[in-house]
Amino acid sequence: MGLETVEFVMNLEERFGISIQDSDAEKLVTPRDVVELIKRILDESGRSVPLQEIETAVKDMTIEQVGLKEKDFAFDRRFIQDMGFD
């Protein structure tokens, strides 16, 4: 994982008050993967967060970190190949 990816994962952990294992972080290819992982972690801990809230946060954080225009964001775009994460 590159520095940008590590920072992104740390920001996610802080935003949602969760811990993401390195082995899980390495499997995150798209924003959809991130949403699903966060939802699973929160569900397993008994915390109910609406899916739309998770999606909005992941979208906003991705756009901010990568410097994308909102129109260029899609949940199925790949972080490294399509969005230029390192």
N, C-alpha and C. Protein backbone atom coordinates (compact mmCIF):
# COMPACT_ATOMS: atom_id res chain seq x y z
N MET A 1 0.84 -1.19 0.00
CA MET A 1 0.00 0.00 0.00
C MET A 1 0.88 1.24 0.00
N GLY A 2 0.49 2.19 -0.82
CA GLY A 2 1.21 3.45 -0.85
C GLY A 2 0.78 4.37 0.28
N LEU A 3 1.52 5.44 0.44
CA LEU A 3 1.24 6.40 1.50
C LEU A 3 -0.16 6.99 1.40
N GLU A 4 -0.58 7.32 0.20
CA GLU A 4 -1.91 7.90 0.02
C GLU A 4 -3.00 6.93 0.47
N THR A 5 -2.82 5.66 0.16
CA THR A 5 -3.79 4.64 0.56
C THR A 5 -3.80 4.48 2.08
N VAL A 6 -2.63 4.47 2.69
CA VAL A 6 -2.53 4.35 4.15
C VAL A 6 -3.24 5.53 4.82
N GLU A 7 -3.01 6.72 4.33
CA GLU A 7 -3.67 7.91 4.88
C GLU A 7 -5.18 7.82 4.72
N PHE A 8 -5.63 7.33 3.57
CA PHE A 8 -7.07 7.18 3.32
C PHE A 8 -7.69 6.21 4.33
N VAL A 9 -7.02 5.08 4.54
CA VAL A 9 -7.53 4.09 5.50
C VAL A 9 -7.56 4.68 6.91
N MET A 10 -6.51 5.41 7.28
CA MET A 10 -6.49 6.04 8.61
C MET A 10 -7.62 7.05 8.75
N ASN A 11 -7.91 7.81 7.72
CA ASN A 11 -9.02 8.76 7.76
C ASN A 11 -10.35 8.05 7.90
N LEU A 12 -10.51 6.93 7.22
CA LEU A 12 -11.73 6.14 7.36
C LEU A 12 -11.89 5.64 8.79
N GLU A 13 -10.80 5.13 9.35
CA GLU A 13 -10.85 4.62 10.72
C GLU A 13 -11.26 5.72 11.69
N GLU A 14 -10.69 6.88 11.51
CA GLU A 14 -11.02 8.01 12.39
C GLU A 14 -12.47 8.44 12.20
N ARG A 15 -12.90 8.56 10.97
CA ARG A 15 -14.26 9.03 10.66
C ARG A 15 -15.33 8.11 11.25
N PHE A 16 -15.09 6.80 11.16
CA PHE A 16 -16.10 5.84 11.60
C PHE A 16 -15.80 5.21 12.96
N GLY A 17 -14.68 5.54 13.57
CA GLY A 17 -14.33 4.98 14.87
C GLY A 17 -14.14 3.48 14.81
N ILE A 18 -13.45 3.02 13.76
CA ILE A 18 -13.24 1.59 13.57
C ILE A 18 -11.75 1.33 13.37
N SER A 19 -11.42 0.06 13.34
CA SER A 19 -10.06 -0.37 13.03
C SER A 19 -10.13 -1.27 11.80
N ILE A 20 -9.34 -0.96 10.79
CA ILE A 20 -9.31 -1.77 9.57
C ILE A 20 -7.98 -2.52 9.55
N GLN A 21 -8.07 -3.83 9.51
CA GLN A 21 -6.87 -4.66 9.47
C GLN A 21 -6.13 -4.46 8.15
N ASP A 22 -4.80 -4.53 8.20
CA ASP A 22 -4.01 -4.38 6.98
C ASP A 22 -4.43 -5.38 5.90
N SER A 23 -4.73 -6.59 6.32
CA SER A 23 -5.13 -7.62 5.35
C SER A 23 -6.43 -7.24 4.65
N ASP A 24 -7.34 -6.57 5.35
CA ASP A 24 -8.59 -6.09 4.73
C ASP A 24 -8.31 -4.87 3.85
N ALA A 25 -7.46 -3.97 4.33
CA ALA A 25 -7.16 -2.75 3.57
C ALA A 25 -6.53 -3.09 2.23
N GLU A 26 -5.71 -4.11 2.18
CA GLU A 26 -5.04 -4.50 0.94
C GLU A 26 -6.02 -5.00 -0.11
N LYS A 27 -7.21 -5.40 0.30
CA LYS A 27 -8.22 -5.93 -0.63
C LYS A 27 -9.14 -4.84 -1.17
N LEU A 28 -8.98 -3.61 -0.71
CA LEU A 28 -9.87 -2.53 -1.13
C LEU A 28 -9.46 -2.01 -2.50
N VAL A 29 -10.25 -2.32 -3.49
CA VAL A 29 -9.94 -1.95 -4.87
C VAL A 29 -10.80 -0.78 -5.33
N THR A 30 -12.04 -0.74 -4.88
CA THR A 30 -12.98 0.30 -5.30
C THR A 30 -13.65 0.93 -4.07
N PRO A 31 -14.25 2.10 -4.24
CA PRO A 31 -15.02 2.68 -3.14
C PRO A 31 -16.15 1.76 -2.66
N ARG A 32 -16.72 0.97 -3.56
CA ARG A 32 -17.76 0.01 -3.16
C ARG A 32 -17.20 -0.99 -2.17
N ASP A 33 -15.97 -1.45 -2.40
CA ASP A 33 -15.31 -2.37 -1.46
C ASP A 33 -15.19 -1.72 -0.09
N VAL A 34 -14.84 -0.44 -0.06
CA VAL A 34 -14.69 0.30 1.20
C VAL A 34 -16.02 0.36 1.93
N VAL A 35 -17.07 0.72 1.21
CA VAL A 35 -18.41 0.82 1.82
C VAL A 35 -18.81 -0.52 2.43
N GLU A 36 -18.62 -1.59 1.68
CA GLU A 36 -19.01 -2.92 2.17
C GLU A 36 -18.20 -3.33 3.41
N LEU A 37 -16.91 -3.03 3.40
CA LEU A 37 -16.07 -3.37 4.56
C LEU A 37 -16.49 -2.57 5.79
N ILE A 38 -16.68 -1.28 5.63
CA ILE A 38 -17.09 -0.45 6.76
C ILE A 38 -18.44 -0.92 7.31
N LYS A 39 -19.38 -1.19 6.43
CA LYS A 39 -20.70 -1.67 6.86
C LYS A 39 -20.56 -2.97 7.65
N ARG A 40 -19.73 -3.88 7.15
CA ARG A 40 -19.53 -5.16 7.84
C ARG A 40 -18.91 -4.95 9.23
N ILE A 41 -17.87 -4.13 9.30
CA ILE A 41 -17.21 -3.87 10.58
C ILE A 41 -18.19 -3.24 11.58
N LEU A 42 -18.94 -2.27 11.11
CA LEU A 42 -19.90 -1.61 12.00
C LEU A 42 -21.00 -2.58 12.45
N ASP A 43 -21.52 -3.37 11.52
CA ASP A 43 -22.56 -4.35 11.86
C ASP A 43 -22.04 -5.35 12.89
N GLU A 44 -20.80 -5.82 12.68
CA GLU A 44 -20.22 -6.80 13.61
C GLU A 44 -20.01 -6.22 15.00
N SER A 45 -19.83 -4.91 15.08
CA SER A 45 -19.63 -4.28 16.39
C SER A 45 -20.95 -3.82 17.00
N GLY A 46 -22.06 -4.08 16.30
CA GLY A 46 -23.37 -3.71 16.83
C GLY A 46 -23.74 -2.25 16.62
N ARG A 47 -22.99 -1.55 15.79
CA ARG A 47 -23.27 -0.15 15.51
C ARG A 47 -24.03 -0.05 14.20
N SER A 48 -25.16 0.59 14.25
CA SER A 48 -25.99 0.74 13.07
C SER A 48 -25.78 2.12 12.46
N VAL A 49 -25.22 2.15 11.26
CA VAL A 49 -25.03 3.39 10.52
C VAL A 49 -25.70 3.18 9.18
N PRO A 50 -26.58 4.10 8.77
CA PRO A 50 -27.27 3.94 7.49
C PRO A 50 -26.27 3.83 6.33
N LEU A 51 -26.56 2.94 5.40
CA LEU A 51 -25.69 2.73 4.24
C LEU A 51 -25.43 4.03 3.49
N GLN A 52 -26.46 4.85 3.35
CA GLN A 52 -26.29 6.11 2.63
C GLN A 52 -25.27 7.03 3.31
N GLU A 53 -25.24 7.02 4.63
CA GLU A 53 -24.26 7.83 5.36
C GLU A 53 -22.83 7.34 5.08
N ILE A 54 -22.66 6.04 5.05
CA ILE A 54 -21.35 5.47 4.74
C ILE A 54 -20.95 5.82 3.31
N GLU A 55 -21.87 5.64 2.39
CA GLU A 55 -21.59 5.94 0.98
C GLU A 55 -21.21 7.40 0.79
N THR A 56 -21.95 8.29 1.41
CA THR A 56 -21.66 9.72 1.27
C THR A 56 -20.29 10.06 1.82
N ALA A 57 -19.96 9.51 2.99
CA ALA A 57 -18.65 9.79 3.59
C ALA A 57 -17.51 9.25 2.73
N VAL A 58 -17.66 8.04 2.23
CA VAL A 58 -16.61 7.44 1.39
C VAL A 58 -16.45 8.25 0.11
N LYS A 59 -17.56 8.63 -0.48
CA LYS A 59 -17.51 9.44 -1.71
C LYS A 59 -16.81 10.76 -1.45
N ASP A 60 -17.22 11.47 -0.42
CA ASP A 60 -16.63 12.78 -0.12
C ASP A 60 -15.14 12.66 0.20
N MET A 61 -14.77 11.65 0.97
CA MET A 61 -13.37 11.47 1.35
C MET A 61 -12.52 11.11 0.13
N THR A 62 -13.05 10.29 -0.75
CA THR A 62 -12.32 9.90 -1.95
C THR A 62 -12.11 11.10 -2.86
N ILE A 63 -13.16 11.86 -3.09
CA ILE A 63 -13.07 13.05 -3.95
C ILE A 63 -12.06 14.03 -3.38
N GLU A 64 -12.11 14.26 -2.08
CA GLU A 64 -11.19 15.20 -1.45
C GLU A 64 -9.74 14.72 -1.53
N GLN A 65 -9.52 13.46 -1.22
CA GLN A 65 -8.15 12.97 -1.18
C GLN A 65 -7.51 12.91 -2.56
N VAL A 66 -8.28 12.50 -3.56
CA VAL A 66 -7.73 12.33 -4.90
C VAL A 66 -7.80 13.63 -5.71
N GLY A 67 -8.70 14.52 -5.31
CA GLY A 67 -8.87 15.75 -6.06
C GLY A 67 -9.73 15.55 -7.31
N LEU A 68 -10.63 14.58 -7.23
CA LEU A 68 -11.54 14.32 -8.35
C LEU A 68 -12.65 15.36 -8.40
N LYS A 69 -13.20 15.51 -9.57
CA LYS A 69 -14.45 16.25 -9.70
C LYS A 69 -15.57 15.25 -9.38
N GLU A 70 -16.64 15.76 -8.80
CA GLU A 70 -17.72 14.86 -8.39
C GLU A 70 -18.23 14.02 -9.56
N LYS A 71 -18.29 14.60 -10.73
CA LYS A 71 -18.80 13.88 -11.90
C LYS A 71 -17.89 12.72 -12.30
N ASP A 72 -16.63 12.73 -11.86
CA ASP A 72 -15.69 11.67 -12.20
C ASP A 72 -15.66 10.54 -11.19
N PHE A 73 -16.43 10.68 -10.11
CA PHE A 73 -16.47 9.65 -9.08
C PHE A 73 -17.51 8.59 -9.44
N ALA A 74 -17.16 7.34 -9.19
CA ALA A 74 -18.11 6.23 -9.29
C ALA A 74 -17.66 5.16 -8.30
N PHE A 75 -18.61 4.50 -7.67
CA PHE A 75 -18.29 3.49 -6.66
C PHE A 75 -17.57 2.28 -7.24
N ASP A 76 -17.65 2.08 -8.56
CA ASP A 76 -16.99 0.93 -9.16
C ASP A 76 -15.65 1.27 -9.81
N ARG A 77 -15.21 2.51 -9.70
CA ARG A 77 -13.89 2.89 -10.24
C ARG A 77 -12.80 2.37 -9.30
N ARG A 78 -11.71 1.92 -9.87
CA ARG A 78 -10.60 1.37 -9.08
C ARG A 78 -9.71 2.51 -8.59
N PHE A 79 -9.30 2.41 -7.33
CA PHE A 79 -8.49 3.47 -6.72
C PHE A 79 -7.19 3.71 -7.49
N ILE A 80 -6.43 2.67 -7.73
CA ILE A 80 -5.11 2.85 -8.32
C ILE A 80 -5.20 3.04 -9.84
N GLN A 81 -5.84 2.13 -10.53
CA GLN A 81 -5.88 2.19 -11.98
C GLN A 81 -6.70 3.36 -12.52
N ASP A 82 -7.83 3.66 -11.91
CA ASP A 82 -8.74 4.67 -12.46
C ASP A 82 -8.63 6.04 -11.80
N MET A 83 -8.25 6.07 -10.52
CA MET A 83 -8.24 7.35 -9.79
C MET A 83 -6.85 7.86 -9.43
N GLY A 84 -5.84 7.06 -9.66
CA GLY A 84 -4.49 7.51 -9.44
C GLY A 84 -3.97 7.46 -8.01
N PHE A 85 -4.63 6.69 -7.14
CA PHE A 85 -4.07 6.49 -5.78
C PHE A 85 -2.71 5.84 -5.94
N ASP A 86 -1.80 6.13 -5.02
CA ASP A 86 -0.50 5.47 -5.07
C ASP A 86 -0.52 4.20 -4.26
